[in-house]
Amino acid sequence: MFTFQQKLKHLKSNLKSWNKREFGNIMEEKLKLENQLQEIQLQAIQMGYSEDLKNKENETQLLLNMIYQQEEELWKQKSRVQWLKEGEKT
């Protein structure tokens, strides 16, 4: 049983590092993209819209939407885990 427990700890560690490599920190990425989008929109207001700015804005908005979906999925998973741990306490 001790060996099994050690293997689970090792697996947990590997899964955490894989998660950081593959997905990074969703909250930091979301903040970075929101700031980037805000800067692009500010440039568009100051200098006028150009095709380049329009493309950058669209690309950034698409990436931001993907991050929003990932964040929503993260919160769903966390909610499910909490519900499974606590059960139905009514």
PDB file of N, CA and C in Angstrom:
ATOM      1  N   MET A   1       0.826  -1.192   0.000  1.00  0.00           N
ATOM      2  CA  MET A   1       0.000   0.000   0.000  1.00  0.00           C
ATOM      3  C   MET A   1       0.874   1.261   0.000  1.00  0.00           C
ATOM      4  N   PHE A   2       1.990   1.217   0.713  1.00  0.00           N
ATOM      5  CA  PHE A   2       2.909   2.355   0.759  1.00  0.00           C
ATOM      6  C   PHE A   2       3.434   2.677  -0.639  1.00  0.00           C
ATOM      7  N   THR A   3       3.782   1.647  -1.405  1.00  0.00           N
ATOM      8  CA  THR A   3       4.306   1.838  -2.757  1.00  0.00           C
ATOM      9  C   THR A   3       3.250   2.496  -3.643  1.00  0.00           C
ATOM     10  N   PHE A   4       2.034   2.033  -3.519  1.00  0.00           N
ATOM     11  CA  PHE A   4       0.931   2.610  -4.292  1.00  0.00           C
ATOM     12  C   PHE A   4       0.752   4.087  -3.957  1.00  0.00           C
ATOM     13  N   GLN A   5       0.811   4.410  -2.691  1.00  0.00           N
ATOM     14  CA  GLN A   5       0.665   5.798  -2.255  1.00  0.00           C
ATOM     15  C   GLN A   5       1.790   6.660  -2.822  1.00  0.00           C
ATOM     16  N   GLN A   6       3.000   6.155  -2.823  1.00  0.00           N
ATOM     17  CA  GLN A   6       4.135   6.897  -3.368  1.00  0.00           C
ATOM     18  C   GLN A   6       3.976   7.121  -4.877  1.00  0.00           C
ATOM     19  N   LYS A   7       3.476   6.106  -5.568  1.00  0.00           N
ATOM     20  CA  LYS A   7       3.251   6.244  -7.010  1.00  0.00           C
ATOM     21  C   LYS A   7       2.178   7.295  -7.293  1.00  0.00           C
ATOM     22  N   LEU A   8       1.145   7.339  -6.470  1.00  0.00           N
ATOM     23  CA  LEU A   8       0.109   8.351  -6.647  1.00  0.00           C
ATOM     24  C   LEU A   8       0.664   9.759  -6.430  1.00  0.00           C
ATOM     25  N   LYS A   9       1.513   9.921  -5.424  1.00  0.00           N
ATOM     26  CA  LYS A   9       2.145  11.226  -5.183  1.00  0.00           C
ATOM     27  C   LYS A   9       2.997  11.639  -6.375  1.00  0.00           C
ATOM     28  N   HIS A  10       3.739  10.694  -6.905  1.00  0.00           N
ATOM     29  CA  HIS A  10       4.590  10.957  -8.063  1.00  0.00           C
ATOM     30  C   HIS A  10       3.725  11.331  -9.271  1.00  0.00           C
ATOM     31  N   LEU A  11       2.631  10.619  -9.472  1.00  0.00           N
ATOM     32  CA  LEU A  11       1.712  10.912 -10.574  1.00  0.00           C
ATOM     33  C   LEU A  11       1.124  12.310 -10.423  1.00  0.00           C
ATOM     34  N   LYS A  12       0.724  12.669  -9.213  1.00  0.00           N
ATOM     35  CA  LYS A  12       0.160  13.997  -8.952  1.00  0.00           C
ATOM     36  C   LYS A  12       1.161  15.083  -9.329  1.00  0.00           C
ATOM     37  N   SER A  13       2.408  14.885  -8.937  1.00  0.00           N
ATOM     38  CA  SER A  13       3.461  15.849  -9.247  1.00  0.00           C
ATOM     39  C   SER A  13       3.646  15.980 -10.758  1.00  0.00           C
ATOM     40  N   ASN A  14       3.671  14.844 -11.450  1.00  0.00           N
ATOM     41  CA  ASN A  14       3.835  14.872 -12.911  1.00  0.00           C
ATOM     42  C   ASN A  14       2.650  15.534 -13.600  1.00  0.00           C
ATOM     43  N   LEU A  15       1.449  15.273 -13.105  1.00  0.00           N
ATOM     44  CA  LEU A  15       0.265  15.892 -13.707  1.00  0.00           C
ATOM     45  C   LEU A  15       0.250  17.405 -13.494  1.00  0.00           C
ATOM     46  N   LYS A  16       0.687  17.852 -12.335  1.00  0.00           N
ATOM     47  CA  LYS A  16       0.747  19.294 -12.083  1.00  0.00           C
ATOM     48  C   LYS A  16       1.743  19.979 -13.014  1.00  0.00           C
ATOM     49  N   SER A  17       2.908  19.390 -13.185  1.00  0.00           N
ATOM     50  CA  SER A  17       3.901  20.006 -14.070  1.00  0.00           C
ATOM     51  C   SER A  17       3.435  19.972 -15.523  1.00  0.00           C
ATOM     52  N   TRP A  18       2.775  18.881 -15.939  1.00  0.00           N
ATOM     53  CA  TRP A  18       2.215  18.802 -17.291  1.00  0.00           C
ATOM     54  C   TRP A  18       1.169  19.898 -17.494  1.00  0.00           C
ATOM     55  N   ASN A  19       0.322  20.097 -16.508  1.00  0.00           N
ATOM     56  CA  ASN A  19      -0.714  21.123 -16.592  1.00  0.00           C
ATOM     57  C   ASN A  19      -0.095  22.506 -16.769  1.00  0.00           C
ATOM     58  N   LYS A  20       0.940  22.807 -16.011  1.00  0.00           N
ATOM     59  CA  LYS A  20       1.607  24.117 -16.122  1.00  0.00           C
ATOM     60  C   LYS A  20       2.232  24.291 -17.504  1.00  0.00           C
ATOM     61  N   ARG A  21       2.848  23.209 -18.015  1.00  0.00           N
ATOM     62  CA  ARG A  21       3.483  23.286 -19.336  1.00  0.00           C
ATOM     63  C   ARG A  21       2.453  23.477 -20.438  1.00  0.00           C
ATOM     64  N   GLU A  22       1.374  22.719 -20.395  1.00  0.00           N
ATOM     65  CA  GLU A  22       0.399  22.731 -21.474  1.00  0.00           C
ATOM     66  C   GLU A  22      -0.551  23.922 -21.414  1.00  0.00           C
ATOM     67  N   PHE A  23      -1.014  24.271 -20.238  1.00  0.00           N
ATOM     68  CA  PHE A  23      -2.043  25.289 -20.121  1.00  0.00           C
ATOM     69  C   PHE A  23      -1.557  26.567 -19.447  1.00  0.00           C
ATOM     70  N   GLY A  24      -0.507  26.489 -18.664  1.00  0.00           N
ATOM     71  CA  GLY A  24      -0.026  27.670 -17.958  1.00  0.00           C
ATOM     72  C   GLY A  24      -1.047  28.123 -16.932  1.00  0.00           C
ATOM     73  N   ASN A  25      -0.947  29.360 -16.560  1.00  0.00           N
ATOM     74  CA  ASN A  25      -1.893  29.925 -15.612  1.00  0.00           C
ATOM     75  C   ASN A  25      -2.963  30.671 -16.399  1.00  0.00           C
ATOM     76  N   ILE A  26      -4.159  30.122 -16.412  1.00  0.00           N
ATOM     77  CA  ILE A  26      -5.246  30.684 -17.207  1.00  0.00           C
ATOM     78  C   ILE A  26      -5.570  32.107 -16.773  1.00  0.00           C
ATOM     79  N   MET A  27      -5.540  32.357 -15.473  1.00  0.00           N
ATOM     80  CA  MET A  27      -5.902  33.688 -14.970  1.00  0.00           C
ATOM     81  C   MET A  27      -4.889  34.744 -15.421  1.00  0.00           C
ATOM     82  N   GLU A  28      -3.608  34.409 -15.370  1.00  0.00           N
ATOM     83  CA  GLU A  28      -2.574  35.346 -15.825  1.00  0.00           C
ATOM     84  C   GLU A  28      -2.696  35.598 -17.326  1.00  0.00           C
ATOM     85  N   GLU A  29      -2.937  34.525 -18.087  1.00  0.00           N
ATOM     86  CA  GLU A  29      -3.074  34.652 -19.534  1.00  0.00           C
ATOM     87  C   GLU A  29      -4.286  35.515 -19.889  1.00  0.00           C
ATOM     88  N   LYS A  30      -5.381  35.330 -19.151  1.00  0.00           N
ATOM     89  CA  LYS A  30      -6.593  36.118 -19.385  1.00  0.00           C
ATOM     90  C   LYS A  30      -6.306  37.604 -19.145  1.00  0.00           C
ATOM     91  N   LEU A  31      -5.647  37.907 -18.045  1.00  0.00           N
ATOM     92  CA  LEU A  31      -5.324  39.292 -17.726  1.00  0.00           C
ATOM     93  C   LEU A  31      -4.411  39.905 -18.791  1.00  0.00           C
ATOM     94  N   LYS A  32      -3.423  39.142 -19.226  1.00  0.00           N
ATOM     95  CA  LYS A  32      -2.496  39.621 -20.253  1.00  0.00           C
ATOM     96  C   LYS A  32      -3.237  39.934 -21.556  1.00  0.00           C
ATOM     97  N   LEU A  33      -4.129  39.029 -21.964  1.00  0.00           N
ATOM     98  CA  LEU A  33      -4.868  39.246 -23.211  1.00  0.00           C
ATOM     99  C   LEU A  33      -5.862  40.402 -23.095  1.00  0.00           C
ATOM    100  N   GLU A  34      -6.493  40.541 -21.936  1.00  0.00           N
ATOM    101  CA  GLU A  34      -7.408  41.666 -21.748  1.00  0.00           C
ATOM    102  C   GLU A  34      -6.662  42.996 -21.839  1.00  0.00           C
ATOM    103  N   ASN A  35      -5.479  43.063 -21.235  1.00  0.00           N
ATOM    104  CA  ASN A  35      -4.667  44.285 -21.319  1.00  0.00           C
ATOM    105  C   ASN A  35      -4.215  44.547 -22.749  1.00  0.00           C
ATOM    106  N   GLN A  36      -3.831  43.489 -23.440  1.00  0.00           N
ATOM    107  CA  GLN A  36      -3.385  43.616 -24.824  1.00  0.00           C
ATOM    108  C   GLN A  36      -4.533  44.129 -25.706  1.00  0.00           C
ATOM    109  N   LEU A  37      -5.726  43.595 -25.505  1.00  0.00           N
ATOM    110  CA  LEU A  37      -6.884  44.033 -26.275  1.00  0.00           C
ATOM    111  C   LEU A  37      -7.210  45.501 -25.982  1.00  0.00           C
ATOM    112  N   GLN A  38      -7.100  45.870 -24.739  1.00  0.00           N
ATOM    113  CA  GLN A  38      -7.350  47.259 -24.355  1.00  0.00           C
ATOM    114  C   GLN A  38      -6.343  48.204 -25.028  1.00  0.00           C
ATOM    115  N   GLU A  39      -5.083  47.797 -25.078  1.00  0.00           N
ATOM    116  CA  GLU A  39      -4.054  48.615 -25.735  1.00  0.00           C
ATOM    117  C   GLU A  39      -4.336  48.758 -27.232  1.00  0.00           C
ATOM    118  N   ILE A  40      -4.748  47.674 -27.862  1.00  0.00           N
ATOM    119  CA  ILE A  40      -5.059  47.715 -29.294  1.00  0.00           C
ATOM    120  C   ILE A  40      -6.222  48.661 -29.551  1.00  0.00           C
ATOM    121  N   GLN A  41      -7.242  48.573 -28.720  1.00  0.00           N
ATOM    122  CA  GLN A  41      -8.403  49.440 -28.894  1.00  0.00           C
ATOM    123  C   GLN A  41      -8.041  50.906 -28.629  1.00  0.00           C
ATOM    124  N   LEU A  42      -7.165  51.147 -27.674  1.00  0.00           N
ATOM    125  CA  LEU A  42      -6.707  52.512 -27.406  1.00  0.00           C
ATOM    126  C   LEU A  42      -5.931  53.067 -28.603  1.00  0.00           C
ATOM    127  N   GLN A  43      -5.072  52.240 -29.189  1.00  0.00           N
ATOM    128  CA  GLN A  43      -4.334  52.647 -30.385  1.00  0.00           C
ATOM    129  C   GLN A  43      -5.295  52.974 -31.519  1.00  0.00           C
ATOM    130  N   ALA A  44      -6.334  52.165 -31.650  1.00  0.00           N
ATOM    131  CA  ALA A  44      -7.308  52.398 -32.721  1.00  0.00           C
ATOM    132  C   ALA A  44      -8.025  53.727 -32.521  1.00  0.00           C
ATOM    133  N   ILE A  45      -8.309  54.063 -31.289  1.00  0.00           N
ATOM    134  CA  ILE A  45      -8.983  55.338 -31.000  1.00  0.00           C
ATOM    135  C   ILE A  45      -8.050  56.502 -31.294  1.00  0.00           C
ATOM    136  N   GLN A  46      -6.795  56.364 -30.885  1.00  0.00           N
ATOM    137  CA  GLN A  46      -5.833  57.465 -31.046  1.00  0.00           C
ATOM    138  C   GLN A  46      -5.389  57.647 -32.494  1.00  0.00           C
ATOM    139  N   MET A  47      -5.113  56.550 -33.181  1.00  0.00           N
ATOM    140  CA  MET A  47      -4.540  56.636 -34.525  1.00  0.00           C
ATOM    141  C   MET A  47      -5.539  56.297 -35.625  1.00  0.00           C
ATOM    142  N   GLY A  48      -6.710  55.851 -35.259  1.00  0.00           N
ATOM    143  CA  GLY A  48      -7.686  55.417 -36.258  1.00  0.00           C
ATOM    144  C   GLY A  48      -7.488  53.940 -36.572  1.00  0.00           C
ATOM    145  N   TYR A  49      -8.570  53.326 -37.007  1.00  0.00           N
ATOM    146  CA  TYR A  49      -8.504  51.904 -37.330  1.00  0.00           C
ATOM    147  C   TYR A  49      -7.718  51.667 -38.601  1.00  0.00           C
ATOM    148  N   SER A  50      -6.844  50.705 -38.554  1.00  0.00           N
ATOM    149  CA  SER A  50      -6.145  50.252 -39.754  1.00  0.00           C
ATOM    150  C   SER A  50      -6.443  48.762 -39.896  1.00  0.00           C
ATOM    151  N   GLU A  51      -6.151  48.235 -41.035  1.00  0.00           N
ATOM    152  CA  GLU A  51      -6.394  46.804 -41.276  1.00  0.00           C
ATOM    153  C   GLU A  51      -5.555  45.955 -40.321  1.00  0.00           C
ATOM    154  N   ASP A  52      -4.334  46.409 -40.062  1.00  0.00           N
ATOM    155  CA  ASP A  52      -3.435  45.686 -39.153  1.00  0.00           C
ATOM    156  C   ASP A  52      -4.001  45.651 -37.731  1.00  0.00           C
ATOM    157  N   LEU A  53      -4.468  46.799 -37.246  1.00  0.00           N
ATOM    158  CA  LEU A  53      -5.047  46.851 -35.900  1.00  0.00           C
ATOM    159  C   LEU A  53      -6.317  46.013 -35.813  1.00  0.00           C
ATOM    160  N   LYS A  54      -7.104  46.048 -36.867  1.00  0.00           N
ATOM    161  CA  LYS A  54      -8.338  45.267 -36.897  1.00  0.00           C
ATOM    162  C   LYS A  54      -8.021  43.774 -36.808  1.00  0.00           C
ATOM    163  N   ASN A  55      -7.011  43.330 -37.546  1.00  0.00           N
ATOM    164  CA  ASN A  55      -6.605  41.922 -37.510  1.00  0.00           C
ATOM    165  C   ASN A  55      -6.062  41.531 -36.136  1.00  0.00           C
ATOM    166  N   LYS A  56      -5.252  42.402 -35.546  1.00  0.00           N
ATOM    167  CA  LYS A  56      -4.711  42.134 -34.207  1.00  0.00           C
ATOM    168  C   LYS A  56      -5.841  42.044 -33.179  1.00  0.00           C
ATOM    169  N   GLU A  57      -6.798  42.962 -33.299  1.00  0.00           N
ATOM    170  CA  GLU A  57      -7.928  42.965 -32.359  1.00  0.00           C
ATOM    171  C   GLU A  57      -8.742  41.676 -32.495  1.00  0.00           C
ATOM    172  N   ASN A  58      -9.026  41.265 -33.719  1.00  0.00           N
ATOM    173  CA  ASN A  58      -9.786  40.034 -33.936  1.00  0.00           C
ATOM    174  C   ASN A  58      -9.053  38.804 -33.408  1.00  0.00           C
ATOM    175  N   GLU A  59      -7.753  38.744 -33.668  1.00  0.00           N
ATOM    176  CA  GLU A  59      -6.947  37.613 -33.207  1.00  0.00           C
ATOM    177  C   GLU A  59      -6.899  37.563 -31.676  1.00  0.00           C
ATOM    178  N   THR A  60      -6.691  38.707 -31.066  1.00  0.00           N
ATOM    179  CA  THR A  60      -6.636  38.776 -29.603  1.00  0.00           C
ATOM    180  C   THR A  60      -7.987  38.409 -28.996  1.00  0.00           C
ATOM    181  N   GLN A  61      -9.064  38.867 -29.615  1.00  0.00           N
ATOM    182  CA  GLN A  61     -10.405  38.554 -29.115  1.00  0.00           C
ATOM    183  C   GLN A  61     -10.690  37.054 -29.215  1.00  0.00           C
ATOM    184  N   LEU A  62     -10.242  36.417 -30.285  1.00  0.00           N
ATOM    185  CA  LEU A  62     -10.416  34.970 -30.433  1.00  0.00           C
ATOM    186  C   LEU A  62      -9.657  34.212 -29.338  1.00  0.00           C
ATOM    187  N   LEU A  63      -8.422  34.626 -29.092  1.00  0.00           N
ATOM    188  CA  LEU A  63      -7.629  33.993 -28.042  1.00  0.00           C
ATOM    189  C   LEU A  63      -8.271  34.197 -26.672  1.00  0.00           C
ATOM    190  N   LEU A  64      -8.781  35.396 -26.451  1.00  0.00           N
ATOM    191  CA  LEU A  64      -9.429  35.714 -25.182  1.00  0.00           C
ATOM    192  C   LEU A  64     -10.695  34.873 -24.995  1.00  0.00           C
ATOM    193  N   ASN A  65     -11.458  34.683 -26.059  1.00  0.00           N
ATOM    194  CA  ASN A  65     -12.649  33.838 -25.972  1.00  0.00           C
ATOM    195  C   ASN A  65     -12.287  32.399 -25.628  1.00  0.00           C
ATOM    196  N   MET A  66     -11.184  31.911 -26.192  1.00  0.00           N
ATOM    197  CA  MET A  66     -10.727  30.554 -25.857  1.00  0.00           C
ATOM    198  C   MET A  66     -10.355  30.465 -24.379  1.00  0.00           C
ATOM    199  N   ILE A  67      -9.684  31.482 -23.876  1.00  0.00           N
ATOM    200  CA  ILE A  67      -9.302  31.510 -22.462  1.00  0.00           C
ATOM    201  C   ILE A  67     -10.543  31.562 -21.575  1.00  0.00           C
ATOM    202  N   TYR A  68     -11.552  32.341 -21.987  1.00  0.00           N
ATOM    203  CA  TYR A  68     -12.794  32.395 -21.219  1.00  0.00           C
ATOM    204  C   TYR A  68     -13.449  31.014 -21.145  1.00  0.00           C
ATOM    205  N   GLN A  69     -13.425  30.292 -22.249  1.00  0.00           N
ATOM    206  CA  GLN A  69     -13.999  28.945 -22.261  1.00  0.00           C
ATOM    207  C   GLN A  69     -13.207  28.007 -21.351  1.00  0.00           C
ATOM    208  N   GLN A  70     -11.881  28.116 -21.400  1.00  0.00           N
ATOM    209  CA  GLN A  70     -11.039  27.286 -20.533  1.00  0.00           C
ATOM    210  C   GLN A  70     -11.292  27.617 -19.061  1.00  0.00           C
ATOM    211  N   GLU A  71     -11.434  28.900 -18.768  1.00  0.00           N
ATOM    212  CA  GLU A  71     -11.692  29.308 -17.388  1.00  0.00           C
ATOM    213  C   GLU A  71     -13.043  28.772 -16.911  1.00  0.00           C
ATOM    214  N   GLU A  72     -14.040  28.855 -17.778  1.00  0.00           N
ATOM    215  CA  GLU A  72     -15.359  28.342 -17.411  1.00  0.00           C
ATOM    216  C   GLU A  72     -15.299  26.841 -17.143  1.00  0.00           C
ATOM    217  N   GLU A  73     -14.571  26.122 -17.967  1.00  0.00           N
ATOM    218  CA  GLU A  73     -14.413  24.676 -17.773  1.00  0.00           C
ATOM    219  C   GLU A  73     -13.661  24.377 -16.473  1.00  0.00           C
ATOM    220  N   LEU A  74     -12.658  25.191 -16.175  1.00  0.00           N
ATOM    221  CA  LEU A  74     -11.904  25.023 -14.931  1.00  0.00           C
ATOM    222  C   LEU A  74     -12.822  25.158 -13.723  1.00  0.00           C
ATOM    223  N   TRP A  75     -13.667  26.202 -13.720  1.00  0.00           N
ATOM    224  CA  TRP A  75     -14.577  26.412 -12.592  1.00  0.00           C
ATOM    225  C   TRP A  75     -15.620  25.302 -12.496  1.00  0.00           C
ATOM    226  N   LYS A  76     -16.068  24.791 -13.632  1.00  0.00           N
ATOM    227  CA  LYS A  76     -17.000  23.659 -13.612  1.00  0.00           C
ATOM    228  C   LYS A  76     -16.350  22.441 -12.966  1.00  0.00           C
ATOM    229  N   GLN A  77     -15.107  22.175 -13.355  1.00  0.00           N
ATOM    230  CA  GLN A  77     -14.393  21.020 -12.805  1.00  0.00           C
ATOM    231  C   GLN A  77     -14.160  21.183 -11.311  1.00  0.00           C
ATOM    232  N   LYS A  78     -13.749  22.380 -10.901  1.00  0.00           N
ATOM    233  CA  LYS A  78     -13.520  22.617  -9.469  1.00  0.00           C
ATOM    234  C   LYS A  78     -14.809  22.460  -8.680  1.00  0.00           C
ATOM    235  N   SER A  79     -15.901  22.935  -9.242  1.00  0.00           N
ATOM    236  CA  SER A  79     -17.196  22.809  -8.591  1.00  0.00           C
ATOM    237  C   SER A  79     -17.583  21.340  -8.456  1.00  0.00           C
ATOM    238  N   ARG A  80     -17.353  20.592  -9.493  1.00  0.00           N
ATOM    239  CA  ARG A  80     -17.681  19.160  -9.479  1.00  0.00           C
ATOM    240  C   ARG A  80     -16.843  18.424  -8.435  1.00  0.00           C
ATOM    241  N   VAL A  81     -15.568  18.732  -8.367  1.00  0.00           N
ATOM    242  CA  VAL A  81     -14.686  18.093  -7.381  1.00  0.00           C
ATOM    243  C   VAL A  81     -15.162  18.427  -5.972  1.00  0.00           C
ATOM    244  N   GLN A  82     -15.501  19.684  -5.744  1.00  0.00           N
ATOM    245  CA  GLN A  82     -15.980  20.089  -4.418  1.00  0.00           C
ATOM    246  C   GLN A  82     -17.268  19.352  -4.078  1.00  0.00           C
ATOM    247  N   TRP A  83     -18.169  19.246  -5.036  1.00  0.00           N
ATOM    248  CA  TRP A  83     -19.428  18.564  -4.799  1.00  0.00           C
ATOM    249  C   TRP A  83     -19.189  17.082  -4.481  1.00  0.00           C
ATOM    250  N   LEU A  84     -18.242  16.467  -5.197  1.00  0.00           N
ATOM    251  CA  LEU A  84     -17.942  15.056  -4.951  1.00  0.00           C
ATOM    252  C   LEU A  84     -17.320  14.862  -3.564  1.00  0.00           C
ATOM    253  N   LYS A  85     -16.481  15.809  -3.155  1.00  0.00           N
ATOM    254  CA  LYS A  85     -15.834  15.703  -1.840  1.00  0.00           C
ATOM    255  C   LYS A  85     -16.851  15.883  -0.712  1.00  0.00           C
ATOM    256  N   GLU A  86     -17.708  16.876  -0.846  1.00  0.00           N
ATOM    257  CA  GLU A  86     -18.629  17.212   0.223  1.00  0.00           C
ATOM    258  C   GLU A  86     -19.925  16.405   0.156  1.00  0.00           C
ATOM    259  N   GLY A  87     -20.284  15.952  -1.030  1.00  0.00           N
ATOM    260  CA  GLY A  87     -21.526  15.224  -1.184  1.00  0.00           C
ATOM    261  C   GLY A  87     -22.714  16.160  -1.080  1.00  0.00           C
ATOM    262  N   GLU A  88     -23.851  15.596  -1.004  1.00  0.00           N
ATOM    263  CA  GLU A  88     -25.072  16.381  -0.892  1.00  0.00           C
ATOM    264  C   GLU A  88     -25.378  16.607   0.568  1.00  0.00           C
ATOM    265  N   LYS A  89     -25.085  17.779   1.064  1.00  0.00           N
ATOM    266  CA  LYS A  89     -25.302  18.095   2.485  1.00  0.00           C
ATOM    267  C   LYS A  89     -26.582  18.914   2.628  1.00  0.00           C
ATOM    268  N   THR A  90     -27.699  18.253   2.529  1.00  0.00           N
ATOM    269  CA  THR A  90     -28.966  18.974   2.695  1.00  0.00           C
ATOM    270  C   THR A  90     -29.773  18.388   3.824  1.00  0.00           C
TER     271      THR A  90
END
